[in-house]
């Protein structure tokens, strides 16, 4: 099992409607990428570290399934057109569980 985690911060100047639209599109990922397991996404509610506004975690049965998702043309298009223009910063971790 691979756990893939992403924490991120939207740019301050991104309108709330755009934030909502990007988050709604992220919520479609499990239906678009059937290899995803145990999807969870939401706002950061930590009182200890507020440097990131949101995060998600998802599981894959194998590292190859994760790589297939990451290198898919639809994922690359989302990152290029929808993600990068609105995200100030992010951190990504993928680990074997």
C-alpha atoms as a PDB file:
ATOM      1  CA  UNK A   1       0.000   0.000   0.000  1.00  0.00           C
ATOM      2  CA  UNK A   2       1.190   3.495  -0.866  1.00  0.00           C
ATOM      3  CA  UNK A   3      -0.151   6.561   0.927  1.00  0.00           C
ATOM      4  CA  UNK A   4       0.093   9.727  -1.134  1.00  0.00           C
ATOM      5  CA  UNK A   5      -0.335  12.971   0.817  1.00  0.00           C
ATOM      6  CA  UNK A   6      -0.455  16.537  -0.374  1.00  0.00           C
ATOM      7  CA  UNK A   7      -0.783  19.659   1.762  1.00  0.00           C
ATOM      8  CA  UNK A   8      -1.190  22.987   0.057  1.00  0.00           C
ATOM      9  CA  UNK A   9      -1.956  26.676   0.358  1.00  0.00           C
ATOM     10  CA  UNK A  10      -4.086  28.611  -2.074  1.00  0.00           C
ATOM     11  CA  UNK A  11      -2.749  32.008  -3.128  1.00  0.00           C
ATOM     12  CA  UNK A  12      -4.283  34.850  -1.109  1.00  0.00           C
ATOM     13  CA  UNK A  13      -5.687  36.539  -4.228  1.00  0.00           C
ATOM     14  CA  UNK A  14      -7.634  33.496  -5.425  1.00  0.00           C
ATOM     15  CA  UNK A  15     -11.400  34.140  -5.220  1.00  0.00           C
ATOM     16  CA  UNK A  16     -13.426  31.880  -2.928  1.00  0.00           C
ATOM     17  CA  UNK A  17     -15.423  30.587  -5.925  1.00  0.00           C
ATOM     18  CA  UNK A  18     -12.216  29.417  -7.602  1.00  0.00           C
ATOM     19  CA  UNK A  19     -11.042  27.701  -4.411  1.00  0.00           C
ATOM     20  CA  UNK A  20     -14.410  25.935  -4.189  1.00  0.00           C
ATOM     21  CA  UNK A  21     -14.243  24.890  -7.853  1.00  0.00           C
ATOM     22  CA  UNK A  22     -10.734  23.425  -7.519  1.00  0.00           C
ATOM     23  CA  UNK A  23     -11.699  21.551  -4.344  1.00  0.00           C
ATOM     24  CA  UNK A  24     -14.851  20.235  -6.046  1.00  0.00           C
ATOM     25  CA  UNK A  25     -12.781  19.013  -8.969  1.00  0.00           C
ATOM     26  CA  UNK A  26     -10.380  17.258  -6.585  1.00  0.00           C
ATOM     27  CA  UNK A  27     -13.372  15.440  -5.074  1.00  0.00           C
ATOM     28  CA  UNK A  28     -14.042  13.873  -8.507  1.00  0.00           C
ATOM     29  CA  UNK A  29     -10.623  12.238  -8.606  1.00  0.00           C
ATOM     30  CA  UNK A  30     -11.591   8.937  -6.923  1.00  0.00           C
ATOM     31  CA  UNK A  31     -14.260   8.338  -9.573  1.00  0.00           C
ATOM     32  CA  UNK A  32     -11.880   9.355 -12.371  1.00  0.00           C
ATOM     33  CA  UNK A  33      -8.967   7.263 -11.071  1.00  0.00           C
ATOM     34  CA  UNK A  34     -10.368   3.911  -9.895  1.00  0.00           C
ATOM     35  CA  UNK A  35      -7.055   2.822  -8.323  1.00  0.00           C
ATOM     36  CA  UNK A  36      -7.512   5.441  -5.577  1.00  0.00           C
ATOM     37  CA  UNK A  37      -8.445   4.103  -2.145  1.00  0.00           C
ATOM     38  CA  UNK A  38      -9.499   5.815   1.081  1.00  0.00           C
ATOM     39  CA  UNK A  39      -9.648   9.352  -0.324  1.00  0.00           C
ATOM     40  CA  UNK A  40      -9.884  12.183   2.200  1.00  0.00           C
ATOM     41  CA  UNK A  41      -9.612  15.890   1.423  1.00  0.00           C
ATOM     42  CA  UNK A  42     -10.379  19.000   3.413  1.00  0.00           C
ATOM     43  CA  UNK A  43      -9.311  22.222   5.058  1.00  0.00           C
ATOM     44  CA  UNK A  44      -6.457  22.274   7.541  1.00  0.00           C
ATOM     45  CA  UNK A  45      -7.949  22.509  11.026  1.00  0.00           C
ATOM     46  CA  UNK A  46      -4.644  22.346  12.892  1.00  0.00           C
ATOM     47  CA  UNK A  47      -4.104  24.938  15.599  1.00  0.00           C
ATOM     48  CA  UNK A  48      -0.362  24.204  15.618  1.00  0.00           C
ATOM     49  CA  UNK A  49       0.543  24.863  12.000  1.00  0.00           C
ATOM     50  CA  UNK A  50      -1.551  26.968   9.664  1.00  0.00           C
ATOM     51  CA  UNK A  51       1.056  27.312   6.920  1.00  0.00           C
ATOM     52  CA  UNK A  52      -1.077  25.151   4.618  1.00  0.00           C
ATOM     53  CA  UNK A  53      -4.798  25.723   4.049  1.00  0.00           C
ATOM     54  CA  UNK A  54      -5.837  22.252   2.835  1.00  0.00           C
ATOM     55  CA  UNK A  55      -4.668  18.712   2.332  1.00  0.00           C
ATOM     56  CA  UNK A  56      -5.567  15.342   0.954  1.00  0.00           C
ATOM     57  CA  UNK A  57      -4.485  11.778   1.451  1.00  0.00           C
ATOM     58  CA  UNK A  58      -5.168   8.813  -0.791  1.00  0.00           C
ATOM     59  CA  UNK A  59      -4.045   5.199  -0.949  1.00  0.00           C
ATOM     60  CA  UNK A  60      -2.915   3.081  -3.870  1.00  0.00           C
ATOM     61  CA  UNK A  61      -2.350  -0.661  -3.800  1.00  0.00           C
ATOM     62  CA  UNK A  62       1.011  -0.288  -5.552  1.00  0.00           C
ATOM     63  CA  UNK A  63       3.624   2.273  -6.421  1.00  0.00           C
ATOM     64  CA  UNK A  64       2.900   1.623 -10.091  1.00  0.00           C
ATOM     65  CA  UNK A  65      -0.756   2.648  -9.609  1.00  0.00           C
ATOM     66  CA  UNK A  66       0.421   5.896  -8.024  1.00  0.00           C
ATOM     67  CA  UNK A  67       2.807   6.522 -10.921  1.00  0.00           C
ATOM     68  CA  UNK A  68       0.092   5.739 -13.468  1.00  0.00           C
ATOM     69  CA  UNK A  69      -2.130   8.358 -11.818  1.00  0.00           C
ATOM     70  CA  UNK A  70       0.631  10.965 -11.543  1.00  0.00           C
ATOM     71  CA  UNK A  71       1.705  10.548 -15.166  1.00  0.00           C
ATOM     72  CA  UNK A  72      -1.769  10.338 -16.694  1.00  0.00           C
ATOM     73  CA  UNK A  73      -2.552  13.027 -19.236  1.00  0.00           C
ATOM     74  CA  UNK A  74      -5.678  14.120 -17.331  1.00  0.00           C
ATOM     75  CA  UNK A  75      -3.700  14.610 -14.093  1.00  0.00           C
ATOM     76  CA  UNK A  76      -0.948  16.514 -15.898  1.00  0.00           C
ATOM     77  CA  UNK A  77      -3.539  18.755 -17.548  1.00  0.00           C
ATOM     78  CA  UNK A  78      -5.250  19.457 -14.212  1.00  0.00           C
ATOM     79  CA  UNK A  79      -1.931  20.360 -12.590  1.00  0.00           C
ATOM     80  CA  UNK A  80      -0.882  22.617 -15.440  1.00  0.00           C
ATOM     81  CA  UNK A  81      -4.180  24.413 -16.094  1.00  0.00           C
ATOM     82  CA  UNK A  82      -6.085  24.407 -12.798  1.00  0.00           C
ATOM     83  CA  UNK A  83      -3.613  23.735  -9.972  1.00  0.00           C
ATOM     84  CA  UNK A  84      -0.423  25.715 -10.549  1.00  0.00           C
ATOM     85  CA  UNK A  85      -2.170  29.029 -11.274  1.00  0.00           C
ATOM     86  CA  UNK A  86      -3.902  29.072  -7.847  1.00  0.00           C
ATOM     87  CA  UNK A  87      -1.524  27.301  -5.451  1.00  0.00           C
ATOM     88  CA  UNK A  88       1.020  29.339  -3.503  1.00  0.00           C
ATOM     89  CA  UNK A  89       2.890  26.336  -2.111  1.00  0.00           C
ATOM     90  CA  UNK A  90       2.602  22.641  -1.502  1.00  0.00           C
ATOM     91  CA  UNK A  91       4.341  19.651   0.036  1.00  0.00           C
ATOM     92  CA  UNK A  92       3.970  16.095  -1.249  1.00  0.00           C
ATOM     93  CA  UNK A  93       4.832  12.858   0.523  1.00  0.00           C
ATOM     94  CA  UNK A  94       4.315   9.310  -0.750  1.00  0.00           C
ATOM     95  CA  UNK A  95       5.211   6.393   1.481  1.00  0.00           C
ATOM     96  CA  UNK A  96       4.913   2.634   1.722  1.00  0.00           C
ATOM     97  CA  UNK A  97       2.537   1.485   4.476  1.00  0.00           C
END
